[in-house]
């Protein structure tokens, strides 16, 4: 049975941490190495992590004598913390885990079985449902990633009923990093400038960057509907809209600079430009300071171009094959959700304040 290194990254996740830790300790996979990383939390969750790592009742449940606890001196971000955990781990398989996730007891063993059946599978995605576990209709949070021709991405089947959607095992573009299983061989294969996950992303879209880079190296991602977990989303300390909007906006540009091919980007340029104008307009309306992310993009441009040279020089999958994964974009749905619905929410809030 393969050793799975579970890397749990905490940042002010006290309200979710106990349930998450208990779900990891209750896994039926027999060989789990647990690495706990704290990004300089201030909510008391470090004490909970210390108590858990020293609890004799937990010791027999993991491959090591006790979970390894690593404390960062500052909030290094999700990517940097995850890279530290990967470097400290020893499992053939690595799982990234957010504190706002609760795993069913067979989640890890199901994904291990899925990834072991295909030697070309570099990652695996389970079926993430919305909190609370057992909630009405078990609404889907993520069944993997889908990417669009305008270079935006989405969680597959997000918001759909779990008992009616994403019922079959399929190959998907990639997996949500909140609870993703990666093959170590793949992580080593796509490592760039000493980094598994790009630390300039800080948080958000780093999993999509991994999806894209691994695809270019010929690795596959498999979706397993039998691996069930529950994701609160918005936990792990990232609840402030400016932080989310800033890094989302910055990172989707970094993603394209590193990985995209000019020819296919030009072929889809009308859709890309339309979406960028709409997104910038939406941010100008609801979170204008997030647009300052463009300054950071220009600052990072030389580094991203250096990383791009490494990535493109080692790709084995032709751009035309990769482009086949990019789907037509649902413009009506996106405009309704990001502009009309948010506009109504803002107007409703103004009316309530009056």
Protein backbone atom coordinates (compact mmCIF):
# COMPACT_ATOMS: atom_id res chain seq x y z
CA UNK A 1 0.00 0.00 0.00
CA UNK A 2 1.46 3.35 -1.06
CA UNK A 3 2.37 5.97 1.51
CA UNK A 4 0.25 9.13 1.10
CA UNK A 5 1.67 12.38 2.46
CA UNK A 6 -1.23 14.62 3.47
CA UNK A 7 -0.15 18.26 3.69
CA UNK A 8 -2.64 20.31 5.68
CA UNK A 9 -2.11 24.06 5.42
CA UNK A 10 -3.65 26.24 8.12
CA UNK A 11 -4.14 29.99 8.30
CA UNK A 12 -6.59 31.10 10.98
CA UNK A 13 -8.71 28.02 10.38
CA UNK A 14 -9.67 27.36 13.99
CA UNK A 15 -13.41 26.99 13.34
CA UNK A 16 -12.86 24.23 10.75
CA UNK A 17 -9.69 22.58 11.99
CA UNK A 18 -11.03 19.97 14.42
CA UNK A 19 -13.45 18.43 11.93
CA UNK A 20 -10.80 18.39 9.21
CA UNK A 21 -8.18 16.71 11.43
CA UNK A 22 -10.64 14.12 12.66
CA UNK A 23 -11.61 13.24 9.09
CA UNK A 24 -7.93 12.68 8.20
CA UNK A 25 -7.37 10.57 11.31
CA UNK A 26 -10.43 8.47 10.39
CA UNK A 27 -9.25 7.51 6.89
CA UNK A 28 -9.30 3.80 6.07
CA UNK A 29 -6.10 4.03 4.01
CA UNK A 30 -3.47 2.46 6.30
CA UNK A 31 -0.37 4.44 5.30
CA UNK A 32 -0.73 8.18 5.83
CA UNK A 33 2.00 10.65 6.67
CA UNK A 34 0.48 13.86 8.04
CA UNK A 35 2.32 17.16 7.75
CA UNK A 36 0.74 20.18 9.42
CA UNK A 37 1.84 23.63 8.26
CA UNK A 38 0.72 26.86 9.88
CA UNK A 39 1.07 30.19 8.09
CA UNK A 40 1.49 32.37 11.19
CA UNK A 41 -2.09 32.10 12.45
CA UNK A 42 -3.34 34.43 15.17
CA UNK A 43 -6.67 32.79 16.08
CA UNK A 44 -5.36 30.14 18.50
CA UNK A 45 -5.38 27.35 15.91
CA UNK A 46 -1.64 26.72 16.43
CA UNK A 47 -2.38 25.46 19.93
CA UNK A 48 -4.93 23.04 18.52
CA UNK A 49 -2.36 21.78 16.00
CA UNK A 50 0.23 21.30 18.76
CA UNK A 51 -2.22 19.38 20.93
CA UNK A 52 -3.23 17.17 18.02
CA UNK A 53 0.36 16.40 17.03
CA UNK A 54 1.18 15.34 20.62
CA UNK A 55 -1.99 13.35 21.27
CA UNK A 56 -1.07 9.68 21.94
CA UNK A 57 -4.45 8.60 20.61
CA UNK A 58 -3.45 9.88 17.15
CA UNK A 59 0.01 8.32 16.98
CA UNK A 60 -1.00 4.87 15.78
CA UNK A 61 -3.07 6.33 12.94
CA UNK A 62 -0.18 7.68 10.89
CA UNK A 63 3.01 6.37 9.28
CA UNK A 64 5.22 8.52 11.51
CA UNK A 65 5.35 8.50 15.29
CA UNK A 66 3.42 11.74 15.28
CA UNK A 67 2.27 14.29 12.71
CA UNK A 68 5.01 16.73 11.70
CA UNK A 69 4.17 20.32 12.66
CA UNK A 70 5.90 23.13 10.75
CA UNK A 71 5.38 26.76 11.77
CA UNK A 72 6.05 29.56 9.28
CA UNK A 73 7.21 32.91 10.68
CA UNK A 74 4.83 34.76 8.35
CA UNK A 75 1.94 34.02 6.04
CA UNK A 76 3.99 32.61 3.18
CA UNK A 77 0.92 31.81 1.10
CA UNK A 78 -0.62 28.51 0.07
CA UNK A 79 1.90 27.70 -2.67
CA UNK A 80 5.03 28.29 -0.58
CA UNK A 81 3.60 26.37 2.37
CA UNK A 82 2.64 23.48 0.13
CA UNK A 83 6.11 23.41 -1.42
CA UNK A 84 7.66 23.25 2.05
CA UNK A 85 5.39 20.37 2.93
CA UNK A 86 6.22 18.46 -0.25
CA UNK A 87 9.94 18.91 0.40
CA UNK A 88 9.52 17.53 3.95
CA UNK A 89 7.32 14.62 2.90
CA UNK A 90 8.30 11.14 1.77
CA UNK A 91 5.15 9.59 0.29
CA UNK A 92 4.90 8.37 -3.30
CA UNK A 93 1.59 10.22 -3.38
CA UNK A 94 0.96 13.72 -2.02
CA UNK A 95 -2.36 15.23 -1.01
CA UNK A 96 -2.89 18.97 -0.59
CA UNK A 97 -5.62 19.76 1.92
CA UNK A 98 -7.40 22.90 3.10
CA UNK A 99 -8.63 23.19 6.67
CA UNK A 100 -12.20 23.87 5.46
CA UNK A 101 -12.49 20.35 4.01
CA UNK A 102 -13.94 17.24 5.67
CA UNK A 103 -13.11 13.89 4.04
CA UNK A 104 -15.28 10.79 3.95
CA UNK A 105 -13.43 7.83 5.50
CA UNK A 106 -12.63 6.25 2.11
CA UNK A 107 -11.65 9.47 0.30
CA UNK A 108 -7.91 8.82 0.21
CA UNK A 109 -8.13 5.08 -0.49
CA UNK A 110 -10.55 5.71 -3.37
CA UNK A 111 -8.25 8.26 -4.99
CA UNK A 112 -5.21 6.04 -4.46
CA UNK A 113 -7.00 3.21 -6.27
CA UNK A 114 -7.94 5.56 -9.10
CA UNK A 115 -4.45 6.97 -9.67
CA UNK A 116 -2.78 3.56 -9.37
CA UNK A 117 -4.88 2.14 -12.19
CA UNK A 118 -3.27 4.47 -14.73
CA UNK A 119 0.53 5.04 -14.76
CA UNK A 120 -0.01 8.22 -16.83
CA UNK A 121 -2.29 9.73 -14.18
CA UNK A 122 -0.38 12.45 -12.37
CA UNK A 123 -3.31 13.66 -10.28
CA UNK A 124 -6.79 12.68 -9.16
CA UNK A 125 -9.90 14.60 -8.19
CA UNK A 126 -12.65 13.49 -5.89
CA UNK A 127 -16.20 14.81 -5.67
CA UNK A 128 -16.21 17.85 -3.40
CA UNK A 129 -19.64 18.76 -2.06
CA UNK A 130 -20.69 21.88 -0.24
CA UNK A 131 -20.94 22.11 3.52
CA UNK A 132 -22.55 20.82 5.62
CA UNK A 133 -22.00 17.10 5.06
CA UNK A 134 -25.33 15.55 4.20
CA UNK A 135 -26.81 18.92 3.28
CA UNK A 136 -29.86 19.32 1.07
CA UNK A 137 -29.23 17.74 -2.37
CA UNK A 138 -25.47 17.53 -1.63
CA UNK A 139 -24.67 20.47 -3.92
CA UNK A 140 -21.39 20.05 -5.82
CA UNK A 141 -18.47 22.34 -5.06
CA UNK A 142 -16.01 20.78 -7.52
CA UNK A 143 -15.70 17.67 -9.66
CA UNK A 144 -12.41 18.80 -11.16
CA UNK A 145 -11.47 21.74 -13.38
CA UNK A 146 -12.71 22.80 -16.79
CA UNK A 147 -10.91 25.52 -18.79
CA UNK A 148 -12.45 27.73 -21.47
CA UNK A 149 -11.23 29.25 -24.72
CA UNK A 150 -11.23 32.72 -23.19
CA UNK A 151 -8.74 31.39 -20.61
CA UNK A 152 -11.07 31.44 -17.64
CA UNK A 153 -11.68 28.27 -15.64
CA UNK A 154 -14.41 26.79 -13.49
CA UNK A 155 -15.13 23.91 -11.14
CA UNK A 156 -16.97 21.19 -13.02
CA UNK A 157 -20.65 20.86 -12.04
CA UNK A 158 -20.36 23.58 -9.39
CA UNK A 159 -23.77 24.36 -7.89
CA UNK A 160 -25.42 21.26 -9.40
CA UNK A 161 -27.07 18.48 -7.41
CA UNK A 162 -24.59 15.85 -6.37
CA UNK A 163 -27.09 13.03 -6.71
CA UNK A 164 -27.75 13.94 -10.36
CA UNK A 165 -24.47 15.27 -11.75
CA UNK A 166 -20.85 14.16 -12.20
CA UNK A 167 -21.77 10.54 -11.56
CA UNK A 168 -19.24 8.80 -13.81
CA UNK A 169 -15.44 8.52 -13.58
CA UNK A 170 -13.84 10.58 -16.37
CA UNK A 171 -10.62 12.29 -17.29
CA UNK A 172 -10.69 16.01 -16.45
CA UNK A 173 -8.34 18.89 -17.14
CA UNK A 174 -7.25 19.12 -13.51
CA UNK A 175 -8.20 19.06 -9.85
CA UNK A 176 -9.12 21.52 -7.12
CA UNK A 177 -6.19 21.99 -4.76
CA UNK A 178 -8.44 22.06 -1.68
CA UNK A 179 -8.24 18.25 -1.62
CA UNK A 180 -6.12 16.96 -4.50
CA UNK A 181 -4.00 13.84 -4.86
CA UNK A 182 -0.75 14.16 -6.81
CA UNK A 183 1.81 11.58 -7.87
CA UNK A 184 5.24 12.60 -6.57
CA UNK A 185 6.84 11.52 -9.84
CA UNK A 186 4.66 14.08 -11.62
CA UNK A 187 5.46 16.84 -9.12
CA UNK A 188 9.17 16.28 -9.62
CA UNK A 189 8.72 16.16 -13.38
CA UNK A 190 7.04 19.60 -13.61
CA UNK A 191 9.18 21.36 -11.01
CA UNK A 192 10.38 24.77 -12.24
CA UNK A 193 13.24 26.72 -10.66
CA UNK A 194 13.03 24.61 -7.52
CA UNK A 195 9.28 25.15 -7.08
CA UNK A 196 6.51 22.58 -7.41
CA UNK A 197 3.73 25.14 -7.10
CA UNK A 198 4.52 28.67 -8.25
CA UNK A 199 5.10 30.73 -5.11
CA UNK A 200 4.40 34.00 -6.93
CA UNK A 201 0.76 32.93 -7.11
CA UNK A 202 0.57 33.10 -3.27
CA UNK A 203 -2.93 31.58 -3.34
CA UNK A 204 -5.63 30.87 -5.97
CA UNK A 205 -5.01 29.51 -9.49
CA UNK A 206 -1.84 27.72 -8.35
CA UNK A 207 -3.69 24.43 -8.84
CA UNK A 208 -4.71 25.44 -12.39
CA UNK A 209 -1.10 26.30 -13.13
CA UNK A 210 -0.15 22.81 -11.97
CA UNK A 211 -2.94 21.35 -14.14
CA UNK A 212 -1.66 23.13 -17.24
CA UNK A 213 2.03 22.40 -16.70
CA UNK A 214 1.40 18.72 -16.02
CA UNK A 215 -0.78 18.46 -19.12
CA UNK A 216 2.07 19.82 -21.24
CA UNK A 217 4.28 17.07 -19.84
CA UNK A 218 1.76 14.37 -20.80
CA UNK A 219 0.26 13.66 -17.37
CA UNK A 220 -3.48 12.97 -16.99
CA UNK A 221 -5.97 13.87 -14.25
CA UNK A 222 -8.72 11.41 -13.32
CA UNK A 223 -12.03 12.17 -11.59
CA UNK A 224 -13.41 9.64 -9.10
CA UNK A 225 -17.08 10.22 -8.12
CA UNK A 226 -16.73 7.69 -5.30
CA UNK A 227 -14.19 9.82 -3.42
CA UNK A 228 -16.38 12.22 -1.43
CA UNK A 229 -15.34 15.27 0.58
CA UNK A 230 -17.08 18.42 1.80
CA UNK A 231 -15.68 21.90 1.17
CA UNK A 232 -16.86 25.03 2.94
CA UNK A 233 -14.99 27.31 0.45
CA UNK A 234 -13.88 30.67 1.69
CA UNK A 235 -12.31 29.09 4.76
CA UNK A 236 -8.58 28.77 5.51
CA UNK A 237 -8.49 32.45 6.45
CA UNK A 238 -9.16 33.80 2.94
CA UNK A 239 -12.48 35.54 3.44
CA UNK A 240 -11.53 39.14 2.60
CA UNK A 241 -12.80 40.00 -0.85
CA UNK A 242 -9.87 42.30 -1.76
CA UNK A 243 -7.32 39.55 -1.12
CA UNK A 244 -9.32 37.06 -3.18
CA UNK A 245 -10.03 39.45 -6.05
CA UNK A 246 -6.44 40.75 -6.15
CA UNK A 247 -4.76 37.37 -6.40
CA UNK A 248 -7.41 35.91 -8.72
CA UNK A 249 -6.95 38.81 -11.11
CA UNK A 250 -3.14 38.73 -10.93
CA UNK A 251 -2.76 34.99 -11.18
CA UNK A 252 -4.88 34.42 -14.25
CA UNK A 253 -2.48 36.69 -16.16
CA UNK A 254 0.56 34.90 -14.73
CA UNK A 255 -1.01 31.60 -15.79
CA UNK A 256 -1.28 32.72 -19.42
CA UNK A 257 2.17 34.32 -19.53
CA UNK A 258 3.80 31.07 -18.41
CA UNK A 259 1.76 28.46 -20.21
CA UNK A 260 -0.23 29.78 -23.17
CA UNK A 261 0.71 29.58 -26.85
CA UNK A 262 0.46 32.82 -28.87
CA UNK A 263 -1.18 31.24 -31.93
CA UNK A 264 -4.09 29.74 -30.03
CA UNK A 265 -4.42 32.79 -27.81
CA UNK A 266 -4.77 34.93 -30.94
CA UNK A 267 -7.38 32.59 -32.39
CA UNK A 268 -9.50 33.16 -29.29
CA UNK A 269 -8.54 36.81 -28.84
CA UNK A 270 -12.05 38.33 -29.32
CA UNK A 271 -13.46 36.22 -26.49
CA UNK A 272 -10.41 36.82 -24.32
CA UNK A 273 -10.55 40.60 -24.77
CA UNK A 274 -14.32 40.73 -24.19
CA UNK A 275 -14.01 38.75 -20.97
CA UNK A 276 -11.06 40.83 -19.75
CA UNK A 277 -12.96 44.08 -20.35
CA UNK A 278 -16.04 42.73 -18.57
CA UNK A 279 -13.99 41.44 -15.63
CA UNK A 280 -12.08 44.71 -15.29
CA UNK A 281 -15.36 46.62 -15.41
CA UNK A 282 -16.86 44.38 -12.74
CA UNK A 283 -13.83 44.89 -10.49
CA UNK A 284 -13.93 48.63 -11.06
CA UNK A 285 -17.52 48.56 -9.83
CA UNK A 286 -17.20 46.30 -6.78
CA UNK A 287 -13.47 46.12 -5.82
CA UNK A 288 -11.40 48.72 -7.70
CA UNK A 289 -8.24 48.26 -5.62
CA UNK A 290 -7.92 44.73 -7.04
CA UNK A 291 -7.00 46.30 -10.39
CA UNK A 292 -3.66 47.28 -8.84
CA UNK A 293 -2.75 43.64 -9.39
CA UNK A 294 -1.74 44.67 -12.91
CA UNK A 295 1.22 46.54 -11.40
CA UNK A 296 2.34 43.28 -9.79
CA UNK A 297 1.92 41.43 -13.09
CA UNK A 298 4.30 43.84 -14.83
CA UNK A 299 6.77 43.60 -11.96
CA UNK A 300 6.80 39.81 -12.21
CA UNK A 301 6.96 39.70 -16.00
CA UNK A 302 10.73 39.00 -16.27
CA UNK A 303 10.51 36.13 -13.78
CA UNK A 304 7.43 34.67 -15.48
CA UNK A 305 9.17 34.81 -18.86
CA UNK A 306 12.12 32.91 -17.39
CA UNK A 307 9.79 30.26 -16.02
CA UNK A 308 7.99 30.12 -19.35
CA UNK A 309 11.25 29.31 -21.16
CA UNK A 310 11.79 26.34 -18.87
CA UNK A 311 8.19 25.12 -19.21
CA UNK A 312 7.96 25.44 -22.98
CA UNK A 313 11.39 23.88 -23.58
CA UNK A 314 10.31 20.68 -21.80
CA UNK A 315 6.76 20.28 -23.12
CA UNK A 316 5.96 17.00 -24.90
CA UNK A 317 2.28 17.59 -25.79
CA UNK A 318 1.63 19.72 -28.90
CA UNK A 319 -0.28 22.95 -28.33
CA UNK A 320 -3.09 21.84 -30.66
CA UNK A 321 -3.70 18.75 -28.51
CA UNK A 322 -3.82 20.80 -25.33
CA UNK A 323 -6.14 23.33 -26.95
CA UNK A 324 -8.67 20.53 -27.38
CA UNK A 325 -9.32 20.72 -23.64
CA UNK A 326 -10.47 24.35 -23.86
CA UNK A 327 -14.27 24.54 -23.98
CA UNK A 328 -16.67 27.23 -25.31
CA UNK A 329 -17.40 29.78 -22.60
CA UNK A 330 -20.94 30.17 -21.13
CA UNK A 331 -21.11 33.97 -21.51
CA UNK A 332 -24.74 34.38 -20.46
CA UNK A 333 -24.23 32.43 -17.26
CA UNK A 334 -21.04 34.38 -16.44
CA UNK A 335 -22.60 37.81 -17.07
CA UNK A 336 -25.63 36.91 -14.98
CA UNK A 337 -23.55 35.65 -12.06
CA UNK A 338 -20.75 38.23 -12.04
CA UNK A 339 -22.61 41.35 -13.11
CA UNK A 340 -26.38 41.11 -12.83
CA UNK A 341 -26.59 39.01 -9.65
CA UNK A 342 -23.79 40.93 -7.89
CA UNK A 343 -25.36 44.21 -8.98
CA UNK A 344 -28.67 43.18 -7.44
CA UNK A 345 -26.91 42.16 -4.21
CA UNK A 346 -25.22 45.54 -4.00
CA UNK A 347 -28.45 47.39 -4.71
CA UNK A 348 -30.29 45.27 -2.13
CA UNK A 349 -27.59 46.12 0.41
CA UNK A 350 -27.96 49.83 -0.32
CA UNK A 351 -31.71 49.61 0.18
CA UNK A 352 -31.28 47.79 3.51
CA UNK A 353 -28.87 50.45 4.78
CA UNK A 354 -31.39 53.15 3.91
